[in-house]
Amino acid sequence: VESIKEDIKWLGADWEDRLFFASDYFEQMYEAAVKLI
């Protein structure tokens, strides 16, 4: 995780305050699966 962040910053890509993880959405993904069921 840390190496990837460093690489992207070094290349000059700026995500500003928009750093996310799929794990941020695990609850929503679970609810989405329930919806499909």
PDB file of all heavy atoms in Angstrom:
ATOM      1  N   VAL A   1       0.843  -1.205   0.000  1.00  0.00           N
ATOM      2  CA  VAL A   1       0.000   0.000   0.000  1.00  0.00           C
ATOM      3  C   VAL A   1       0.873   1.249   0.000  1.00  0.00           C
ATOM      4  O   VAL A   1       0.691   2.167  -0.807  1.00  0.00           O
ATOM      5  CB  VAL A   1      -0.943   0.005   1.225  1.00  0.00           C
ATOM      6  CG1 VAL A   1      -1.641   1.359   1.358  1.00  0.00           C
ATOM      7  CG2 VAL A   1      -1.973  -1.113   1.116  1.00  0.00           C
ATOM      8  N   GLU A   2       1.842   1.287   0.899  1.00  0.00           N
ATOM      9  CA  GLU A   2       2.694   2.482   1.033  1.00  0.00           C
ATOM     10  C   GLU A   2       3.562   2.684  -0.207  1.00  0.00           C
ATOM     11  O   GLU A   2       3.769   3.812  -0.653  1.00  0.00           O
ATOM     12  CB  GLU A   2       3.560   2.374   2.291  1.00  0.00           C
ATOM     13  CG  GLU A   2       2.771   2.406   3.594  1.00  0.00           C
ATOM     14  CD  GLU A   2       1.830   3.599   3.690  1.00  0.00           C
ATOM     15  OE1 GLU A   2       2.273   4.731   3.383  1.00  0.00           O
ATOM     16  OE2 GLU A   2       0.657   3.408   4.060  1.00  0.00           O
ATOM     17  N   SER A   3       4.090   1.595  -0.769  1.00  0.00           N
ATOM     18  CA  SER A   3       4.945   1.732  -1.961  1.00  0.00           C
ATOM     19  C   SER A   3       4.130   2.255  -3.143  1.00  0.00           C
ATOM     20  O   SER A   3       4.616   3.083  -3.914  1.00  0.00           O
ATOM     21  CB  SER A   3       5.589   0.385  -2.323  1.00  0.00           C
ATOM     22  OG  SER A   3       4.676  -0.490  -2.960  1.00  0.00           O
ATOM     23  N   ILE A   4       2.897   1.790  -3.276  1.00  0.00           N
ATOM     24  CA  ILE A   4       2.042   2.232  -4.393  1.00  0.00           C
ATOM     25  C   ILE A   4       1.717   3.715  -4.254  1.00  0.00           C
ATOM     26  O   ILE A   4       1.777   4.473  -5.227  1.00  0.00           O
ATOM     27  CB  ILE A   4       0.760   1.372  -4.439  1.00  0.00           C
ATOM     28  CG1 ILE A   4       1.108  -0.050  -4.913  1.00  0.00           C
ATOM     29  CG2 ILE A   4      -0.287   1.994  -5.355  1.00  0.00           C
ATOM     30  CD1 ILE A   4      -0.015  -1.061  -4.760  1.00  0.00           C
ATOM     31  N   LYS A   5       1.395   4.148  -3.046  1.00  0.00           N
ATOM     32  CA  LYS A   5       1.112   5.575  -2.832  1.00  0.00           C
ATOM     33  C   LYS A   5       2.317   6.432  -3.197  1.00  0.00           C
ATOM     34  O   LYS A   5       2.196   7.474  -3.854  1.00  0.00           O
ATOM     35  CB  LYS A   5       0.706   5.816  -1.367  1.00  0.00           C
ATOM     36  CG  LYS A   5      -0.712   5.357  -1.056  1.00  0.00           C
ATOM     37  CD  LYS A   5      -0.967   5.112   0.411  1.00  0.00           C
ATOM     38  CE  LYS A   5      -0.837   6.322   1.282  1.00  0.00           C
ATOM     39  NZ  LYS A   5      -1.199   6.024   2.697  1.00  0.00           N
ATOM     40  N   GLU A   6       3.503   5.982  -2.765  1.00  0.00           N
ATOM     41  CA  GLU A   6       4.727   6.734  -3.057  1.00  0.00           C
ATOM     42  C   GLU A   6       4.976   6.807  -4.563  1.00  0.00           C
ATOM     43  O   GLU A   6       5.324   7.861  -5.107  1.00  0.00           O
ATOM     44  CB  GLU A   6       5.925   6.064  -2.363  1.00  0.00           C
ATOM     45  CG  GLU A   6       7.219   6.837  -2.507  1.00  0.00           C
ATOM     46  CD  GLU A   6       8.389   6.175  -1.791  1.00  0.00           C
ATOM     47  OE1 GLU A   6       8.183   5.136  -1.131  1.00  0.00           O
ATOM     48  OE2 GLU A   6       9.502   6.699  -1.910  1.00  0.00           O
ATOM     49  N   ASP A   7       4.772   5.688  -5.263  1.00  0.00           N
ATOM     50  CA  ASP A   7       4.996   5.644  -6.713  1.00  0.00           C
ATOM     51  C   ASP A   7       4.067   6.604  -7.447  1.00  0.00           C
ATOM     52  O   ASP A   7       4.481   7.313  -8.372  1.00  0.00           O
ATOM     53  CB  ASP A   7       4.771   4.223  -7.253  1.00  0.00           C
ATOM     54  CG  ASP A   7       5.854   3.254  -6.818  1.00  0.00           C
ATOM     55  OD1 ASP A   7       6.918   3.716  -6.361  1.00  0.00           O
ATOM     56  OD2 ASP A   7       5.633   2.027  -6.921  1.00  0.00           O
ATOM     57  N   ILE A   8       2.800   6.616  -7.059  1.00  0.00           N
ATOM     58  CA  ILE A   8       1.818   7.442  -7.766  1.00  0.00           C
ATOM     59  C   ILE A   8       2.091   8.925  -7.536  1.00  0.00           C
ATOM     60  O   ILE A   8       2.017   9.739  -8.458  1.00  0.00           O
ATOM     61  CB  ILE A   8       0.391   7.046  -7.341  1.00  0.00           C
ATOM     62  CG1 ILE A   8       0.111   5.612  -7.800  1.00  0.00           C
ATOM     63  CG2 ILE A   8      -0.648   7.997  -7.926  1.00  0.00           C
ATOM     64  CD1 ILE A   8      -1.154   5.020  -7.256  1.00  0.00           C
ATOM     65  N   LYS A   9       2.441   9.265  -6.307  1.00  0.00           N
ATOM     66  CA  LYS A   9       2.804  10.666  -6.023  1.00  0.00           C
ATOM     67  C   LYS A   9       4.028  11.075  -6.832  1.00  0.00           C
ATOM     68  O   LYS A   9       4.091  12.173  -7.382  1.00  0.00           O
ATOM     69  CB  LYS A   9       3.084  10.837  -4.525  1.00  0.00           C
ATOM     70  CG  LYS A   9       1.840  10.870  -3.660  1.00  0.00           C
ATOM     71  CD  LYS A   9       2.200  11.025  -2.185  1.00  0.00           C
ATOM     72  CE  LYS A   9       0.977  11.039  -1.294  1.00  0.00           C
ATOM     73  NZ  LYS A   9       1.328  11.066   0.138  1.00  0.00           N
ATOM     74  N   TRP A  10       5.014  10.178  -6.892  1.00  0.00           N
ATOM     75  CA  TRP A  10       6.250  10.477  -7.619  1.00  0.00           C
ATOM     76  C   TRP A  10       5.981  10.718  -9.107  1.00  0.00           C
ATOM     77  O   TRP A  10       6.576  11.604  -9.717  1.00  0.00           O
ATOM     78  CB  TRP A  10       7.230   9.318  -7.435  1.00  0.00           C
ATOM     79  CG  TRP A  10       8.535   9.494  -8.145  1.00  0.00           C
ATOM     80  CD1 TRP A  10       9.559  10.331  -7.797  1.00  0.00           C
ATOM     81  CD2 TRP A  10       8.972   8.814  -9.319  1.00  0.00           C
ATOM     82  NE1 TRP A  10      10.606  10.207  -8.692  1.00  0.00           N
ATOM     83  CE2 TRP A  10      10.266   9.275  -9.631  1.00  0.00           C
ATOM     84  CE3 TRP A  10       8.390   7.836 -10.136  1.00  0.00           C
ATOM     85  CZ2 TRP A  10      10.994   8.815 -10.734  1.00  0.00           C
ATOM     86  CZ3 TRP A  10       9.110   7.369 -11.224  1.00  0.00           C
ATOM     87  CH2 TRP A  10      10.390   7.858 -11.518  1.00  0.00           C
ATOM     88  N   LEU A  11       5.037   9.960  -9.674  1.00  0.00           N
ATOM     89  CA  LEU A  11       4.699  10.141 -11.089  1.00  0.00           C
ATOM     90  C   LEU A  11       3.919  11.439 -11.327  1.00  0.00           C
ATOM     91  O   LEU A  11       3.746  11.847 -12.469  1.00  0.00           O
ATOM     92  CB  LEU A  11       3.875   8.954 -11.598  1.00  0.00           C
ATOM     93  CG  LEU A  11       4.662   7.688 -11.932  1.00  0.00           C
ATOM     94  CD1 LEU A  11       3.702   6.540 -12.226  1.00  0.00           C
ATOM     95  CD2 LEU A  11       5.619   7.902 -13.092  1.00  0.00           C
ATOM     96  N   GLY A  12       3.473  12.066 -10.254  1.00  0.00           N
ATOM     97  CA  GLY A  12       2.810  13.360 -10.396  1.00  0.00           C
ATOM     98  C   GLY A  12       1.299  13.305 -10.424  1.00  0.00           C
ATOM     99  O   GLY A  12       0.640  14.311 -10.685  1.00  0.00           O
ATOM    100  N   ALA A  13       0.719  12.131 -10.154  1.00  0.00           N
ATOM    101  CA  ALA A  13      -0.740  12.019 -10.122  1.00  0.00           C
ATOM    102  C   ALA A  13      -1.243  12.390  -8.725  1.00  0.00           C
ATOM    103  O   ALA A  13      -0.803  11.812  -7.737  1.00  0.00           O
ATOM    104  CB  ALA A  13      -1.176  10.600 -10.490  1.00  0.00           C
ATOM    105  N   ASP A  14      -2.147  13.343  -8.658  1.00  0.00           N
ATOM    106  CA  ASP A  14      -2.612  13.879  -7.370  1.00  0.00           C
ATOM    107  C   ASP A  14      -4.071  13.497  -7.140  1.00  0.00           C
ATOM    108  O   ASP A  14      -4.966  13.968  -7.835  1.00  0.00           O
ATOM    109  CB  ASP A  14      -2.454  15.404  -7.382  1.00  0.00           C
ATOM    110  CG  ASP A  14      -2.833  16.041  -6.060  1.00  0.00           C
ATOM    111  OD1 ASP A  14      -3.128  15.291  -5.092  1.00  0.00           O
ATOM    112  OD2 ASP A  14      -2.853  17.284  -5.981  1.00  0.00           O
ATOM    113  N   TRP A  15      -4.305  12.623  -6.150  1.00  0.00           N
ATOM    114  CA  TRP A  15      -5.681  12.228  -5.843  1.00  0.00           C
ATOM    115  C   TRP A  15      -6.320  13.183  -4.835  1.00  0.00           C
ATOM    116  O   TRP A  15      -7.460  12.967  -4.416  1.00  0.00           O
ATOM    117  CB  TRP A  15      -5.705  10.788  -5.327  1.00  0.00           C
ATOM    118  CG  TRP A  15      -4.914  10.554  -4.072  1.00  0.00           C
ATOM    119  CD1 TRP A  15      -5.265  10.912  -2.800  1.00  0.00           C
ATOM    120  CD2 TRP A  15      -3.632   9.923  -3.945  1.00  0.00           C
ATOM    121  NE1 TRP A  15      -4.300  10.545  -1.905  1.00  0.00           N
ATOM    122  CE2 TRP A  15      -3.281   9.929  -2.573  1.00  0.00           C
ATOM    123  CE3 TRP A  15      -2.745   9.340  -4.858  1.00  0.00           C
ATOM    124  CZ2 TRP A  15      -2.086   9.389  -2.105  1.00  0.00           C
ATOM    125  CZ3 TRP A  15      -1.560   8.804  -4.397  1.00  0.00           C
ATOM    126  CH2 TRP A  15      -1.242   8.830  -3.024  1.00  0.00           C
ATOM    127  N   GLU A  16      -5.580  14.226  -4.434  1.00  0.00           N
ATOM    128  CA  GLU A  16      -6.081  15.220  -3.479  1.00  0.00           C
ATOM    129  C   GLU A  16      -6.556  14.514  -2.197  1.00  0.00           C
ATOM    130  O   GLU A  16      -5.767  13.841  -1.553  1.00  0.00           O
ATOM    131  CB  GLU A  16      -7.174  16.078  -4.135  1.00  0.00           C
ATOM    132  CG  GLU A  16      -6.637  16.882  -5.322  1.00  0.00           C
ATOM    133  CD  GLU A  16      -7.705  17.609  -6.100  1.00  0.00           C
ATOM    134  OE1 GLU A  16      -8.857  17.133  -6.128  1.00  0.00           O
ATOM    135  OE2 GLU A  16      -7.388  18.663  -6.687  1.00  0.00           O
ATOM    136  N   ASP A  17      -7.843  14.644  -1.858  1.00  0.00           N
ATOM    137  CA  ASP A  17      -8.333  13.999  -0.625  1.00  0.00           C
ATOM    138  C   ASP A  17      -9.137  12.740  -0.934  1.00  0.00           C
ATOM    139  O   ASP A  17      -9.865  12.235  -0.093  1.00  0.00           O
ATOM    140  CB  ASP A  17      -9.203  14.982   0.174  1.00  0.00           C
ATOM    141  CG  ASP A  17     -10.408  15.478  -0.625  1.00  0.00           C
ATOM    142  OD1 ASP A  17     -10.459  15.233  -1.853  1.00  0.00           O
ATOM    143  OD2 ASP A  17     -11.297  16.115  -0.031  1.00  0.00           O
ATOM    144  N   ARG A  18      -8.967  12.210  -2.165  1.00  0.00           N
ATOM    145  CA  ARG A  18      -9.797  11.079  -2.588  1.00  0.00           C
ATOM    146  C   ARG A  18      -8.974   9.788  -2.614  1.00  0.00           C
ATOM    147  O   ARG A  18      -8.678   9.236  -3.668  1.00  0.00           O
ATOM    148  CB  ARG A  18     -10.423  11.361  -3.954  1.00  0.00           C
ATOM    149  CG  ARG A  18     -11.441  12.506  -3.914  1.00  0.00           C
ATOM    150  CD  ARG A  18     -12.043  12.792  -5.262  1.00  0.00           C
ATOM    151  NE  ARG A  18     -11.017  13.138  -6.245  1.00  0.00           N
ATOM    152  CZ  ARG A  18     -10.421  14.336  -6.342  1.00  0.00           C
ATOM    153  NH1 ARG A  18     -10.775  15.309  -5.508  1.00  0.00           N
ATOM    154  NH2 ARG A  18      -9.503  14.559  -7.244  1.00  0.00           N
ATOM    155  N   LEU A  19      -8.590   9.339  -1.425  1.00  0.00           N
ATOM    156  CA  LEU A  19      -7.916   8.051  -1.265  1.00  0.00           C
ATOM    157  C   LEU A  19      -8.917   7.074  -0.656  1.00  0.00           C
ATOM    158  O   LEU A  19      -9.424   7.302   0.439  1.00  0.00           O
ATOM    159  CB  LEU A  19      -6.690   8.193  -0.349  1.00  0.00           C
ATOM    160  CG  LEU A  19      -5.984   6.890   0.035  1.00  0.00           C
ATOM    161  CD1 LEU A  19      -5.422   6.186  -1.189  1.00  0.00           C
ATOM    162  CD2 LEU A  19      -4.878   7.156   1.049  1.00  0.00           C
ATOM    163  N   PHE A  20      -9.209   5.998  -1.390  1.00  0.00           N
ATOM    164  CA  PHE A  20     -10.232   5.044  -0.954  1.00  0.00           C
ATOM    165  C   PHE A  20      -9.691   3.613  -0.957  1.00  0.00           C
ATOM    166  O   PHE A  20      -8.659   3.322  -1.568  1.00  0.00           O
ATOM    167  CB  PHE A  20     -11.462   5.125  -1.872  1.00  0.00           C
ATOM    168  CG  PHE A  20     -12.058   6.506  -1.962  1.00  0.00           C
ATOM    169  CD1 PHE A  20     -11.966   7.243  -3.139  1.00  0.00           C
ATOM    170  CD2 PHE A  20     -12.703   7.078  -0.875  1.00  0.00           C
ATOM    171  CE1 PHE A  20     -12.506   8.517  -3.235  1.00  0.00           C
ATOM    172  CE2 PHE A  20     -13.251   8.347  -0.957  1.00  0.00           C
ATOM    173  CZ  PHE A  20     -13.149   9.069  -2.138  1.00  0.00           C
ATOM    174  N   PHE A  21     -10.428   2.739  -0.282  1.00  0.00           N
ATOM    175  CA  PHE A  21     -10.135   1.308  -0.267  1.00  0.00           C
ATOM    176  C   PHE A  21     -11.431   0.556  -0.550  1.00  0.00           C
ATOM    177  O   PHE A  21     -12.502   0.973  -0.085  1.00  0.00           O
ATOM    178  CB  PHE A  21      -9.596   0.873   1.101  1.00  0.00           C
ATOM    179  CG  PHE A  21      -8.209   1.380   1.410  1.00  0.00           C
ATOM    180  CD1 PHE A  21      -8.028   2.680   1.870  1.00  0.00           C
ATOM    181  CD2 PHE A  21      -7.100   0.560   1.239  1.00  0.00           C
ATOM    182  CE1 PHE A  21      -6.750   3.159   2.157  1.00  0.00           C
ATOM    183  CE2 PHE A  21      -5.817   1.027   1.531  1.00  0.00           C
ATOM    184  CZ  PHE A  21      -5.640   2.320   1.987  1.00  0.00           C
ATOM    185  N   ALA A  22     -11.313  -0.542  -1.282  1.00  0.00           N
ATOM    186  CA  ALA A  22     -12.500  -1.382  -1.495  1.00  0.00           C
ATOM    187  C   ALA A  22     -13.099  -1.789  -0.157  1.00  0.00           C
ATOM    188  O   ALA A  22     -14.326  -1.872   0.002  1.00  0.00           O
ATOM    189  CB  ALA A  22     -12.121  -2.620  -2.303  1.00  0.00           C
ATOM    190  N   SER A  23     -12.229  -2.006   0.834  1.00  0.00           N
ATOM    191  CA  SER A  23     -12.707  -2.424   2.159  1.00  0.00           C
ATOM    192  C   SER A  23     -13.562  -1.353   2.832  1.00  0.00           C
ATOM    193  O   SER A  23     -14.302  -1.655   3.768  1.00  0.00           O
ATOM    194  CB  SER A  23     -11.526  -2.811   3.050  1.00  0.00           C
ATOM    195  OG  SER A  23     -10.533  -1.796   3.080  1.00  0.00           O
ATOM    196  N   ASP A  24     -13.463  -0.090   2.353  1.00  0.00           N
ATOM    197  CA  ASP A  24     -14.351   0.952   2.868  1.00  0.00           C
ATOM    198  C   ASP A  24     -15.818   0.603   2.576  1.00  0.00           C
ATOM    199  O   ASP A  24     -16.730   1.107   3.246  1.00  0.00           O
ATOM    200  CB  ASP A  24     -14.049   2.303   2.209  1.00  0.00           C
ATOM    201  CG  ASP A  24     -12.674   2.845   2.555  1.00  0.00           C
ATOM    202  OD1 ASP A  24     -12.133   2.445   3.604  1.00  0.00           O
ATOM    203  OD2 ASP A  24     -12.135   3.666   1.790  1.00  0.00           O
ATOM    204  N   TYR A  25     -16.029  -0.216   1.527  1.00  0.00           N
ATOM    205  CA  TYR A  25     -17.382  -0.466   1.023  1.00  0.00           C
ATOM    206  C   TYR A  25     -17.872  -1.888   1.305  1.00  0.00           C
ATOM    207  O   TYR A  25     -18.864  -2.323   0.728  1.00  0.00           O
ATOM    208  CB  TYR A  25     -17.417  -0.228  -0.496  1.00  0.00           C
ATOM    209  CG  TYR A  25     -16.774   1.054  -0.936  1.00  0.00           C
ATOM    210  CD1 TYR A  25     -15.776   1.057  -1.916  1.00  0.00           C
ATOM    211  CD2 TYR A  25     -17.154   2.276  -0.387  1.00  0.00           C
ATOM    212  CE1 TYR A  25     -15.177   2.231  -2.325  1.00  0.00           C
ATOM    213  CE2 TYR A  25     -16.558   3.463  -0.792  1.00  0.00           C
ATOM    214  CZ  TYR A  25     -15.560   3.434  -1.770  1.00  0.00           C
ATOM    215  OH  TYR A  25     -14.972   4.598  -2.173  1.00  0.00           O
ATOM    216  N   PHE A  26     -17.166  -2.626   2.179  1.00  0.00           N
ATOM    217  CA  PHE A  26     -17.566  -4.017   2.412  1.00  0.00           C
ATOM    218  C   PHE A  26     -19.022  -4.124   2.870  1.00  0.00           C
ATOM    219  O   PHE A  26     -19.755  -5.039   2.473  1.00  0.00           O
ATOM    220  CB  PHE A  26     -16.638  -4.685   3.439  1.00  0.00           C
ATOM    221  CG  PHE A  26     -15.331  -5.176   2.870  1.00  0.00           C
ATOM    222  CD1 PHE A  26     -14.328  -5.656   3.706  1.00  0.00           C
ATOM    223  CD2 PHE A  26     -15.095  -5.167   1.500  1.00  0.00           C
ATOM    224  CE1 PHE A  26     -13.129  -6.134   3.194  1.00  0.00           C
ATOM    225  CE2 PHE A  26     -13.900  -5.632   0.974  1.00  0.00           C
ATOM    226  CZ  PHE A  26     -12.919  -6.115   1.820  1.00  0.00           C
ATOM    227  N   GLU A  27     -19.456  -3.196   3.721  1.00  0.00           N
ATOM    228  CA  GLU A  27     -20.840  -3.228   4.206  1.00  0.00           C
ATOM    229  C   GLU A  27     -21.810  -3.014   3.044  1.00  0.00           C
ATOM    230  O   GLU A  27     -22.823  -3.733   2.921  1.00  0.00           O
ATOM    231  CB  GLU A  27     -21.042  -2.150   5.272  1.00  0.00           C
ATOM    232  CG  GLU A  27     -22.243  -2.368   6.169  1.00  0.00           C
ATOM    233  CD  GLU A  27     -22.088  -3.563   7.115  1.00  0.00           C
ATOM    234  OE1 GLU A  27     -21.081  -3.631   7.864  1.00  0.00           O
ATOM    235  OE2 GLU A  27     -22.997  -4.437   7.077  1.00  0.00           O
ATOM    236  N   GLN A  28     -21.500  -2.040   2.184  1.00  0.00           N
ATOM    237  CA  GLN A  28     -22.377  -1.767   1.037  1.00  0.00           C
ATOM    238  C   GLN A  28     -22.386  -2.928   0.047  1.00  0.00           C
ATOM    239  O   GLN A  28     -23.402  -3.218  -0.579  1.00  0.00           O
ATOM    240  CB  GLN A  28     -21.940  -0.472   0.343  1.00  0.00           C
ATOM    241  CG  GLN A  28     -22.290   0.774   1.149  1.00  0.00           C
ATOM    242  CD  GLN A  28     -21.302   1.906   0.914  1.00  0.00           C
ATOM    243  OE1 GLN A  28     -20.164   1.843   1.373  1.00  0.00           O
ATOM    244  NE2 GLN A  28     -21.736   2.927   0.214  1.00  0.00           N
ATOM    245  N   MET A  29     -21.221  -3.586  -0.097  1.00  0.00           N
ATOM    246  CA  MET A  29     -21.164  -4.744  -1.000  1.00  0.00           C
ATOM    247  C   MET A  29     -22.010  -5.891  -0.463  1.00  0.00           C
ATOM    248  O   MET A  29     -22.678  -6.591  -1.228  1.00  0.00           O
ATOM    249  CB  MET A  29     -19.713  -5.189  -1.186  1.00  0.00           C
ATOM    250  CG  MET A  29     -18.867  -4.207  -1.978  1.00  0.00           C
ATOM    251  SD  MET A  29     -17.138  -4.728  -2.013  1.00  0.00           S
ATOM    252  CE  MET A  29     -16.370  -3.249  -2.673  1.00  0.00           C
ATOM    253  N   TYR A  30     -21.950  -6.068   0.833  1.00  0.00           N
ATOM    254  CA  TYR A  30     -22.780  -7.120   1.453  1.00  0.00           C
ATOM    255  C   TYR A  30     -24.261  -6.820   1.212  1.00  0.00           C
ATOM    256  O   TYR A  30     -25.037  -7.705   0.829  1.00  0.00           O
ATOM    257  CB  TYR A  30     -22.482  -7.213   2.955  1.00  0.00           C
ATOM    258  CG  TYR A  30     -23.335  -8.226   3.671  1.00  0.00           C
ATOM    259  CD1 TYR A  30     -23.034  -9.579   3.604  1.00  0.00           C
ATOM    260  CD2 TYR A  30     -24.459  -7.822   4.404  1.00  0.00           C
ATOM    261  CE1 TYR A  30     -23.830 -10.525   4.255  1.00  0.00           C
ATOM    262  CE2 TYR A  30     -25.260  -8.757   5.046  1.00  0.00           C
ATOM    263  CZ  TYR A  30     -24.939 -10.100   4.971  1.00  0.00           C
ATOM    264  OH  TYR A  30     -25.717 -11.033   5.599  1.00  0.00           O
ATOM    265  N   GLU A  31     -24.660  -5.566   1.430  1.00  0.00           N
ATOM    266  CA  GLU A  31     -26.058  -5.176   1.213  1.00  0.00           C
ATOM    267  C   GLU A  31     -26.445  -5.332  -0.254  1.00  0.00           C
ATOM    268  O   GLU A  31     -27.583  -5.698  -0.577  1.00  0.00           O
ATOM    269  CB  GLU A  31     -26.281  -3.721   1.661  1.00  0.00           C
ATOM    270  CG  GLU A  31     -26.153  -3.502   3.160  1.00  0.00           C
ATOM    271  CD  GLU A  31     -27.128  -4.373   3.958  1.00  0.00           C
ATOM    272  OE1 GLU A  31     -28.250  -4.642   3.462  1.00  0.00           O
ATOM    273  OE2 GLU A  31     -26.766  -4.811   5.071  1.00  0.00           O
ATOM    274  N   ALA A  32     -25.471  -5.068  -1.154  1.00  0.00           N
ATOM    275  CA  ALA A  32     -25.737  -5.246  -2.584  1.00  0.00           C
ATOM    276  C   ALA A  32     -25.996  -6.716  -2.904  1.00  0.00           C
ATOM    277  O   ALA A  32     -26.888  -7.057  -3.705  1.00  0.00           O
ATOM    278  CB  ALA A  32     -24.546  -4.729  -3.405  1.00  0.00           C
ATOM    279  N   ALA A  33     -25.223  -7.611  -2.275  1.00  0.00           N
ATOM    280  CA  ALA A  33     -25.424  -9.050  -2.477  1.00  0.00           C
ATOM    281  C   ALA A  33     -26.799  -9.481  -1.956  1.00  0.00           C
ATOM    282  O   ALA A  33     -27.503 -10.274  -2.604  1.00  0.00           O
ATOM    283  CB  ALA A  33     -24.312  -9.838  -1.792  1.00  0.00           C
ATOM    284  N   VAL A  34     -27.177  -8.952  -0.807  1.00  0.00           N
ATOM    285  CA  VAL A  34     -28.500  -9.251  -0.249  1.00  0.00           C
ATOM    286  C   VAL A  34     -29.591  -8.774  -1.215  1.00  0.00           C
ATOM    287  O   VAL A  34     -30.597  -9.472  -1.446  1.00  0.00           O
ATOM    288  CB  VAL A  34     -28.660  -8.594   1.141  1.00  0.00           C
ATOM    289  CG1 VAL A  34     -30.120  -8.665   1.606  1.00  0.00           C
ATOM    290  CG2 VAL A  34     -27.742  -9.259   2.163  1.00  0.00           C
ATOM    291  N   LYS A  35     -29.400  -7.625  -1.792  1.00  0.00           N
ATOM    292  CA  LYS A  35     -30.375  -7.086  -2.757  1.00  0.00           C
ATOM    293  C   LYS A  35     -30.545  -8.020  -3.949  1.00  0.00           C
ATOM    294  O   LYS A  35     -31.671  -8.280  -4.394  1.00  0.00           O
ATOM    295  CB  LYS A  35     -29.925  -5.695  -3.228  1.00  0.00           C
ATOM    296  CG  LYS A  35     -30.891  -5.040  -4.209  1.00  0.00           C
ATOM    297  CD  LYS A  35     -30.465  -3.604  -4.506  1.00  0.00           C
ATOM    298  CE  LYS A  35     -31.460  -2.919  -5.421  1.00  0.00           C
ATOM    299  NZ  LYS A  35     -31.135  -1.487  -5.630  1.00  0.00           N
ATOM    300  N   LEU A  36     -29.427  -8.552  -4.436  1.00  0.00           N
ATOM    301  CA  LEU A  36     -29.505  -9.482  -5.570  1.00  0.00           C
ATOM    302  C   LEU A  36     -30.234 -10.760  -5.180  1.00  0.00           C
ATOM    303  O   LEU A  36     -31.017 -11.311  -5.966  1.00  0.00           O
ATOM    304  CB  LEU A  36     -28.104  -9.814  -6.088  1.00  0.00           C
ATOM    305  CG  LEU A  36     -27.333  -8.687  -6.798  1.00  0.00           C
ATOM    306  CD1 LEU A  36     -25.973  -9.188  -7.265  1.00  0.00           C
ATOM    307  CD2 LEU A  36     -28.127  -8.146  -7.986  1.00  0.00           C
ATOM    308  N   ILE A  37     -29.973 -11.239  -3.958  1.00  0.00           N
ATOM    309  CA  ILE A  37     -30.679 -12.448  -3.490  1.00  0.00           C
ATOM    310  C   ILE A  37     -32.183 -12.188  -3.444  1.00  0.00           C
ATOM    311  O   ILE A  37     -32.987 -13.000  -3.918  1.00  0.00           O
ATOM    312  CB  ILE A  37     -30.161 -12.877  -2.090  1.00  0.00           C
ATOM    313  CG1 ILE A  37     -28.705 -13.350  -2.178  1.00  0.00           C
ATOM    314  CG2 ILE A  37     -31.046 -13.988  -1.521  1.00  0.00           C
ATOM    315  CD1 ILE A  37     -28.057 -13.610  -0.816  1.00  0.00           C
TER     316      ILE A  37
END
